[in-house]
Amino acid sequence: MTKKALKTVVPRTLLAAFLAMVLVAVAAPSAVAAGSWSAPTPVYAASSIQSPGYAYAPSAIAGSTERSFVCHSRAAGDVRDDIYLVKRTGSTVTSSTSVLTASASGWDSFHICDPSVVRVDATLAGQDYDYAMFYLGNDQNCSCHNQIGVAYANGLDGPWVKAPNPVIGFQAGASSSEWGVGQPSATTIDAAAGTVLLTWTEGYSTGTVAKLGQVSLLSGTPTVSGVGAVPTAGLLDSSGAADFLNNFDIAYSPQRDSFYMVREMHPYPTTSPNYISTAVQVLSISGAGMWSGTGTWAVEGLIDASVTGASRSHNPGFLRTQFGTLPDESQLTVFVTTSALDPNSLWSYAIVRTTASL
């Protein structure tokens, strides 16, 4: 089945940048820091349909109907995730339903999470699709043995069909008790060519690092090329020390040829819960600096309790177009998961949004 050509809003300079990865990146112009963050407005809390329930880690797509793909408690009181689609018109949630669940067997048979959804042509088993959802999956009752898969659909509302094997697999020879790979974030390079930039987190006994690569989806089997490290120059923790990178989302600005990133800040707190952040940080980097791995991040802003009013601000994501670009080049909108302290922090998870001008 031949698909008609699509006019993508993402410049092909991104693809050219990929092909020129071996070149030294030019110095990026100074980033203009984002303005002050607006008072947060509620997006969604799972408690509206489950008691108790939780939702976090949104992949949000702007439109007359705003769609957020979120990690969500599978059922009330169940600490296993499905991926839900939350639809809103204005400030009103119009629906919240599971669109992807764990498989009956195989590599993603226990838990799935961390959706990142983009518009891109793809092929699976001779069938053409228009959208891809990258996600984390595992097969054990633990925060371990994670891998990254992809599912396809012909509309944002689904149905979603999984590719059978991981796109980014677990490291050969590593103990299955290690964390693995996950937290994918994708932006479209060329929708008609079936290519995306994928970033993700790797966590093994050797340390935690962020990776990137180009994924091609038209052959029927996803192929990954040009794998390298996401730059960490310019990343500092709250004490000013050089920092590592995990649990982040990216968005592309065609106007600036820059990437924006929102990430969890470190160090994590010593009080419980001690595995999620108290603040998220927004940064930017040139397109060439991102692809080459030699760029330096510039800080754009910080979203903490002074903005959200919550003890924990974590698992963030940008409001993006379906291509992973900024829907409005004059501002950034960040979706943040908020929560209270323990006991029962998990059941207090809720998603809010805040905006700053650029």
Protein backbone atom coordinates (compact mmCIF):
# COMPACT_ATOMS: atom_id res chain seq x y z
CA MET A 1 0.00 0.00 0.00
CA THR A 2 1.52 3.29 -1.12
CA LYS A 3 1.17 6.25 1.18
CA LYS A 4 0.76 9.75 -0.19
CA ALA A 5 3.58 12.18 0.49
CA LEU A 6 3.29 14.27 3.63
CA LYS A 7 4.43 17.84 4.04
CA THR A 8 6.27 17.62 7.30
CA VAL A 9 6.66 20.67 9.50
CA VAL A 10 10.06 19.46 10.68
CA PRO A 11 12.87 20.87 8.51
CA ARG A 12 15.00 18.37 6.64
CA THR A 13 18.03 20.17 8.04
CA LEU A 14 17.65 17.76 10.95
CA LEU A 15 18.28 14.84 8.61
CA ALA A 16 21.23 16.64 7.09
CA ALA A 17 22.56 17.25 10.57
CA PHE A 18 22.35 13.55 11.28
CA LEU A 19 24.30 12.69 8.15
CA ALA A 20 26.94 15.22 9.19
CA MET A 21 27.35 13.98 12.75
CA VAL A 22 31.07 13.56 12.31
CA LEU A 23 31.50 17.28 11.74
CA VAL A 24 32.40 19.54 14.62
CA ALA A 25 29.35 21.44 15.84
CA VAL A 26 29.40 25.19 15.41
CA ALA A 27 29.04 27.32 18.51
CA ALA A 28 25.38 27.89 19.36
CA PRO A 29 24.06 31.39 19.98
CA SER A 30 23.22 32.20 23.56
CA ALA A 31 19.81 30.89 24.54
CA VAL A 32 17.21 33.37 25.67
CA ALA A 33 16.06 32.28 29.11
CA ALA A 34 12.38 31.55 29.45
CA GLY A 35 10.24 33.99 31.39
CA SER A 36 8.51 33.33 34.68
CA TRP A 37 6.26 30.30 34.93
CA SER A 38 2.51 30.77 35.11
CA ALA A 39 0.40 29.57 38.01
CA PRO A 40 -0.17 25.85 37.42
CA THR A 41 -3.51 24.63 36.13
CA PRO A 42 -4.80 21.08 36.65
CA VAL A 43 -4.64 18.68 33.72
CA TYR A 44 -5.60 15.27 35.12
CA ALA A 45 -5.70 13.13 38.24
CA ALA A 46 -6.42 9.40 38.05
CA SER A 47 -8.50 9.74 41.20
CA SER A 48 -11.22 11.13 38.93
CA ILE A 49 -11.86 7.57 37.65
CA GLN A 50 -10.07 5.28 40.15
CA SER A 51 -9.90 5.23 43.93
CA PRO A 52 -7.03 5.03 44.50
CA GLY A 53 -5.22 5.69 41.23
CA TYR A 54 -2.21 7.52 39.82
CA ALA A 55 -1.09 9.10 36.54
CA TYR A 56 2.28 10.53 35.53
CA ALA A 57 4.88 11.03 32.74
CA PRO A 58 2.69 12.64 30.06
CA SER A 59 3.35 12.77 26.32
CA ALA A 60 1.10 15.72 25.48
CA ILE A 61 -0.05 16.76 22.00
CA ALA A 62 -1.63 20.16 21.38
CA GLY A 63 -4.81 20.62 19.35
CA SER A 64 -8.46 21.62 19.59
CA THR A 65 -8.65 18.35 21.49
CA GLU A 66 -5.56 18.13 23.68
CA ARG A 67 -4.30 14.57 24.06
CA SER A 68 -2.03 13.32 26.84
CA PHE A 69 -0.69 9.78 26.77
CA VAL A 70 0.18 8.95 30.38
CA CYS A 71 1.44 6.16 32.61
CA HIS A 72 -1.65 5.19 34.60
CA SER A 73 -2.62 2.67 37.26
CA ARG A 74 -4.14 -0.29 35.42
CA ALA A 75 -6.99 -0.52 37.91
CA ALA A 76 -7.85 1.02 41.27
CA GLY A 77 -5.14 0.14 43.78
CA ASP A 78 -3.06 -1.77 41.20
CA VAL A 79 0.61 -0.71 41.07
CA ARG A 80 1.08 -1.78 37.47
CA ASP A 81 0.80 0.65 34.58
CA ASP A 82 -1.19 0.82 31.40
CA ILE A 83 -0.83 3.69 28.96
CA TYR A 84 -3.96 5.80 29.03
CA LEU A 85 -5.10 8.50 26.62
CA VAL A 86 -6.53 11.54 28.39
CA LYS A 87 -8.47 13.88 26.11
CA ARG A 88 -9.35 17.45 27.05
CA THR A 89 -11.31 20.23 25.41
CA GLY A 90 -10.30 23.49 27.02
CA SER A 91 -9.86 22.68 30.70
CA THR A 92 -12.42 19.85 30.69
CA VAL A 93 -11.37 16.19 30.61
CA THR A 94 -13.70 14.51 28.12
CA SER A 95 -12.31 10.96 28.34
CA SER A 96 -9.62 8.83 29.94
CA THR A 97 -9.16 5.30 28.62
CA SER A 98 -6.48 2.60 28.41
CA VAL A 99 -5.01 2.42 24.90
CA LEU A 100 -2.05 0.09 25.51
CA THR A 101 -1.58 -2.65 28.08
CA ALA A 102 0.98 -5.33 28.92
CA SER A 103 1.16 -8.31 26.59
CA ALA A 104 -0.03 -11.76 27.68
CA SER A 105 3.56 -13.03 27.44
CA GLY A 106 6.97 -11.87 26.32
CA TRP A 107 9.28 -8.96 27.02
CA ASP A 108 6.54 -6.44 27.98
CA SER A 109 4.19 -8.79 29.83
CA PHE A 110 4.27 -7.17 33.27
CA HIS A 111 4.46 -3.38 33.09
CA ILE A 112 4.42 -0.71 30.37
CA CYS A 113 4.96 3.03 30.75
CA ASP A 114 6.75 6.15 29.45
CA PRO A 115 4.86 6.80 26.19
CA SER A 116 6.22 9.17 23.53
CA VAL A 117 3.92 9.63 20.54
CA VAL A 118 4.79 11.18 17.15
CA ARG A 119 3.41 11.44 13.62
CA VAL A 120 5.61 9.32 11.33
CA ASP A 121 5.01 6.81 8.54
CA ALA A 122 5.68 3.22 9.59
CA THR A 123 5.16 -0.31 8.30
CA LEU A 124 4.46 -3.52 10.21
CA ALA A 125 3.53 -6.90 8.69
CA GLY A 126 2.75 -5.26 5.34
CA GLN A 127 0.40 -2.69 6.88
CA ASP A 128 1.12 1.04 6.76
CA TYR A 129 0.62 3.26 9.80
CA ASP A 130 0.70 7.00 10.50
CA TYR A 131 1.71 7.23 14.17
CA ALA A 132 4.29 5.65 16.45
CA MET A 133 4.23 5.29 20.24
CA PHE A 134 7.54 4.44 21.87
CA TYR A 135 7.19 2.97 25.35
CA LEU A 136 9.00 1.16 28.18
CA GLY A 137 8.08 -2.42 28.97
CA ASN A 138 9.29 -5.18 31.27
CA ASP A 139 8.47 -8.76 32.21
CA GLN A 140 9.24 -8.79 35.93
CA ASN A 141 7.61 -7.41 39.07
CA CYS A 142 10.43 -4.95 39.72
CA SER A 143 11.94 -1.72 38.47
CA CYS A 144 14.27 -3.79 36.30
CA HIS A 145 14.81 -5.57 32.98
CA ASN A 146 13.27 -2.64 31.10
CA GLN A 147 13.33 -2.40 27.31
CA ILE A 148 11.88 0.05 24.77
CA GLY A 149 9.25 -0.97 22.25
CA VAL A 150 7.03 0.71 19.68
CA ALA A 151 3.36 0.48 18.74
CA TYR A 152 1.64 1.89 15.66
CA ALA A 153 -1.74 3.37 14.79
CA ASN A 154 -3.50 5.23 11.98
CA GLY A 155 -4.94 7.82 14.35
CA LEU A 156 -4.01 9.23 17.72
CA ASP A 157 -7.01 7.51 19.30
CA GLY A 158 -5.78 4.10 18.14
CA PRO A 159 -6.13 1.17 18.02
CA TRP A 160 -2.42 0.68 18.70
CA VAL A 161 -0.61 -2.39 17.33
CA LYS A 162 2.67 -3.43 18.94
CA ALA A 163 5.80 -4.40 17.06
CA PRO A 164 6.78 -7.81 18.47
CA ASN A 165 10.34 -7.04 19.57
CA PRO A 166 12.04 -4.20 21.46
CA VAL A 167 13.50 -1.30 19.48
CA ILE A 168 16.14 -0.74 22.17
CA GLY A 169 16.88 -4.03 23.91
CA PHE A 170 18.36 -4.96 27.25
CA GLN A 171 22.15 -5.05 27.34
CA ALA A 172 23.52 -8.51 26.56
CA GLY A 173 25.19 -10.09 29.57
CA ALA A 174 23.71 -7.68 32.11
CA SER A 175 21.87 -9.07 35.12
CA SER A 176 18.10 -9.01 34.69
CA SER A 177 17.95 -7.27 38.08
CA GLU A 178 19.45 -4.12 36.54
CA TRP A 179 17.21 -1.26 35.41
CA GLY A 180 17.92 -1.45 31.67
CA VAL A 181 16.62 1.07 29.12
CA GLY A 182 13.53 3.26 29.12
CA GLN A 183 12.07 6.77 29.36
CA PRO A 184 12.01 7.27 25.56
CA SER A 185 11.33 10.65 23.96
CA ALA A 186 10.88 10.96 20.19
CA THR A 187 10.74 13.79 17.66
CA THR A 188 10.03 13.36 13.96
CA ILE A 189 12.89 13.90 11.53
CA ASP A 190 10.99 13.21 8.29
CA ALA A 191 7.50 11.77 8.60
CA ALA A 192 7.27 10.55 4.99
CA ALA A 193 10.69 8.89 5.24
CA GLY A 194 9.68 7.13 8.46
CA THR A 195 12.50 8.57 10.56
CA VAL A 196 12.57 9.87 14.12
CA LEU A 197 15.16 11.01 16.62
CA LEU A 198 14.82 8.85 19.72
CA THR A 199 16.39 9.63 23.08
CA TRP A 200 16.32 7.34 26.10
CA THR A 201 17.87 6.55 29.49
CA GLU A 202 20.20 3.59 30.12
CA GLY A 203 20.79 2.42 33.67
CA TYR A 204 23.23 -0.40 34.40
CA SER A 205 25.82 -1.16 37.07
CA THR A 206 28.29 0.94 35.07
CA GLY A 207 26.15 4.05 35.57
CA THR A 208 23.23 6.02 34.17
CA VAL A 209 23.55 7.71 30.77
CA ALA A 210 21.23 9.25 28.18
CA LYS A 211 21.46 8.07 24.57
CA LEU A 212 20.13 9.18 21.19
CA GLY A 213 19.81 7.59 17.76
CA GLN A 214 17.87 7.71 14.53
CA VAL A 215 15.10 5.13 14.22
CA SER A 216 13.75 4.18 10.78
CA LEU A 217 10.29 2.62 10.71
CA LEU A 218 9.41 1.94 7.03
CA SER A 219 11.14 -1.41 6.46
CA GLY A 220 8.78 -3.45 8.61
CA THR A 221 11.43 -3.89 11.31
CA PRO A 222 12.63 -0.77 13.18
CA THR A 223 16.31 -0.06 12.62
CA VAL A 224 18.46 2.14 14.85
CA SER A 225 21.54 3.98 13.62
CA GLY A 226 23.93 6.70 14.75
CA VAL A 227 23.63 5.85 18.44
CA GLY A 228 25.54 8.25 20.68
CA ALA A 229 25.36 10.02 24.00
CA VAL A 230 23.07 12.95 24.67
CA PRO A 231 25.34 15.87 25.64
CA THR A 232 25.70 16.56 29.35
CA ALA A 233 27.87 19.70 29.18
CA GLY A 234 26.07 22.48 31.03
CA LEU A 235 24.10 20.12 33.26
CA LEU A 236 24.51 20.99 36.93
CA ASP A 237 22.73 19.63 39.98
CA SER A 238 21.20 21.84 42.65
CA SER A 239 24.59 22.19 44.37
CA GLY A 240 26.32 23.34 41.18
CA ALA A 241 28.17 20.06 40.56
CA ALA A 242 28.30 18.38 37.14
CA ASP A 243 25.21 16.23 36.72
CA PHE A 244 23.97 13.17 34.85
CA LEU A 245 20.75 12.90 32.86
CA ASN A 246 17.66 10.73 33.20
CA ASN A 247 13.87 10.97 33.00
CA PHE A 248 13.62 13.78 30.46
CA ASP A 249 11.50 14.88 27.51
CA ILE A 250 12.59 16.80 24.43
CA ALA A 251 10.90 19.13 21.94
CA TYR A 252 12.29 20.69 18.77
CA SER A 253 12.06 24.36 17.75
CA PRO A 254 12.23 24.62 13.93
CA GLN A 255 12.45 28.41 14.12
CA ARG A 256 15.58 28.28 16.28
CA ASP A 257 16.95 24.90 15.10
CA SER A 258 17.22 24.06 18.79
CA PHE A 259 16.09 21.33 21.11
CA TYR A 260 14.45 22.00 24.46
CA MET A 261 14.67 19.52 27.30
CA VAL A 262 12.81 19.21 30.58
CA ARG A 263 14.39 16.86 33.12
CA GLU A 264 14.23 15.80 36.74
CA MET A 265 16.72 17.68 38.91
CA HIS A 266 19.27 15.99 41.15
CA PRO A 267 20.13 15.05 43.77
CA TYR A 268 16.91 13.31 44.70
CA PRO A 269 15.64 14.15 48.20
CA THR A 270 16.59 12.17 51.28
CA THR A 271 13.02 12.17 52.61
CA SER A 272 10.43 9.73 51.31
CA PRO A 273 9.68 9.38 48.46
CA ASN A 274 13.37 9.59 47.58
CA TYR A 275 13.13 8.27 44.00
CA ILE A 276 11.42 11.27 42.38
CA SER A 277 12.56 14.87 42.15
CA THR A 278 11.52 18.01 43.98
CA ALA A 279 12.03 20.13 40.84
CA VAL A 280 12.30 19.89 37.06
CA GLN A 281 14.66 21.97 34.94
CA VAL A 282 14.17 23.31 31.41
CA LEU A 283 17.20 23.71 29.11
CA SER A 284 18.02 24.25 25.43
CA ILE A 285 20.77 23.28 22.99
CA SER A 286 21.48 23.87 19.30
CA GLY A 287 20.40 21.21 16.82
CA ALA A 288 24.00 20.65 15.73
CA GLY A 289 25.14 20.45 19.34
CA MET A 290 22.53 17.79 20.09
CA TRP A 291 23.27 15.59 17.10
CA SER A 292 27.05 15.79 17.41
CA GLY A 293 27.04 15.20 21.16
CA THR A 294 29.40 18.15 21.63
CA GLY A 295 26.93 20.92 22.48
CA THR A 296 26.35 22.64 25.80
CA TRP A 297 22.96 22.98 27.45
CA ALA A 298 21.74 26.45 28.46
CA VAL A 299 19.37 26.73 31.42
CA GLU A 300 15.96 28.20 30.58
CA GLY A 301 14.13 27.80 33.88
CA LEU A 302 13.26 25.79 36.97
CA ILE A 303 9.87 24.48 38.07
CA ASP A 304 9.76 23.62 41.76
CA ALA A 305 7.46 23.94 44.76
CA SER A 306 7.43 27.72 44.36
CA VAL A 307 5.58 27.14 41.07
CA THR A 308 3.62 23.91 41.63
CA GLY A 309 3.00 24.19 45.37
CA ALA A 310 3.79 20.47 45.68
CA SER A 311 6.43 18.62 47.70
CA ARG A 312 7.46 16.68 44.60
CA SER A 313 7.58 17.93 40.99
CA HIS A 314 8.69 15.11 38.68
CA ASN A 315 8.14 13.02 35.54
CA PRO A 316 7.69 16.04 33.24
CA GLY A 317 6.86 16.43 29.57
CA PHE A 318 6.38 19.23 27.06
CA LEU A 319 3.17 20.17 25.28
CA ARG A 320 4.21 19.46 21.67
CA THR A 321 2.79 19.10 18.18
CA GLN A 322 2.30 15.61 16.80
CA PHE A 323 5.79 15.93 15.28
CA GLY A 324 7.42 16.68 18.63
CA THR A 325 7.90 20.37 17.86
CA LEU A 326 6.85 23.46 19.81
CA PRO A 327 3.20 24.30 19.03
CA ASP A 328 3.91 27.99 19.74
CA GLU A 329 7.42 29.32 19.17
CA SER A 330 6.79 32.19 21.59
CA GLN A 331 6.36 29.99 24.66
CA LEU A 332 7.04 26.70 26.41
CA THR A 333 4.33 24.71 28.15
CA VAL A 334 5.48 22.01 30.55
CA PHE A 335 3.31 19.27 32.03
CA VAL A 336 4.58 18.30 35.49
CA THR A 337 3.61 15.40 37.72
CA THR A 338 3.06 16.58 41.28
CA SER A 339 2.75 14.59 44.48
CA ALA A 340 2.74 14.80 48.25
CA LEU A 341 5.15 13.19 50.70
CA ASP A 342 4.76 9.63 51.94
CA PRO A 343 2.81 7.84 53.20
CA ASN A 344 0.78 7.16 50.06
CA SER A 345 2.69 9.57 47.82
CA LEU A 346 1.99 7.40 44.77
CA TRP A 347 -1.76 7.81 45.11
CA SER A 348 -1.42 11.59 45.15
CA TYR A 349 0.18 11.79 41.69
CA ALA A 350 -1.55 14.37 39.51
CA ILE A 351 -0.57 16.29 36.37
CA VAL A 352 -0.54 20.08 36.07
CA ARG A 353 0.69 22.45 33.37
CA THR A 354 2.57 25.74 33.44
CA THR A 355 3.74 28.11 30.68
CA ALA A 356 6.63 30.56 30.24
CA SER A 357 7.35 32.94 27.38
CA LEU A 358 10.41 32.61 25.13
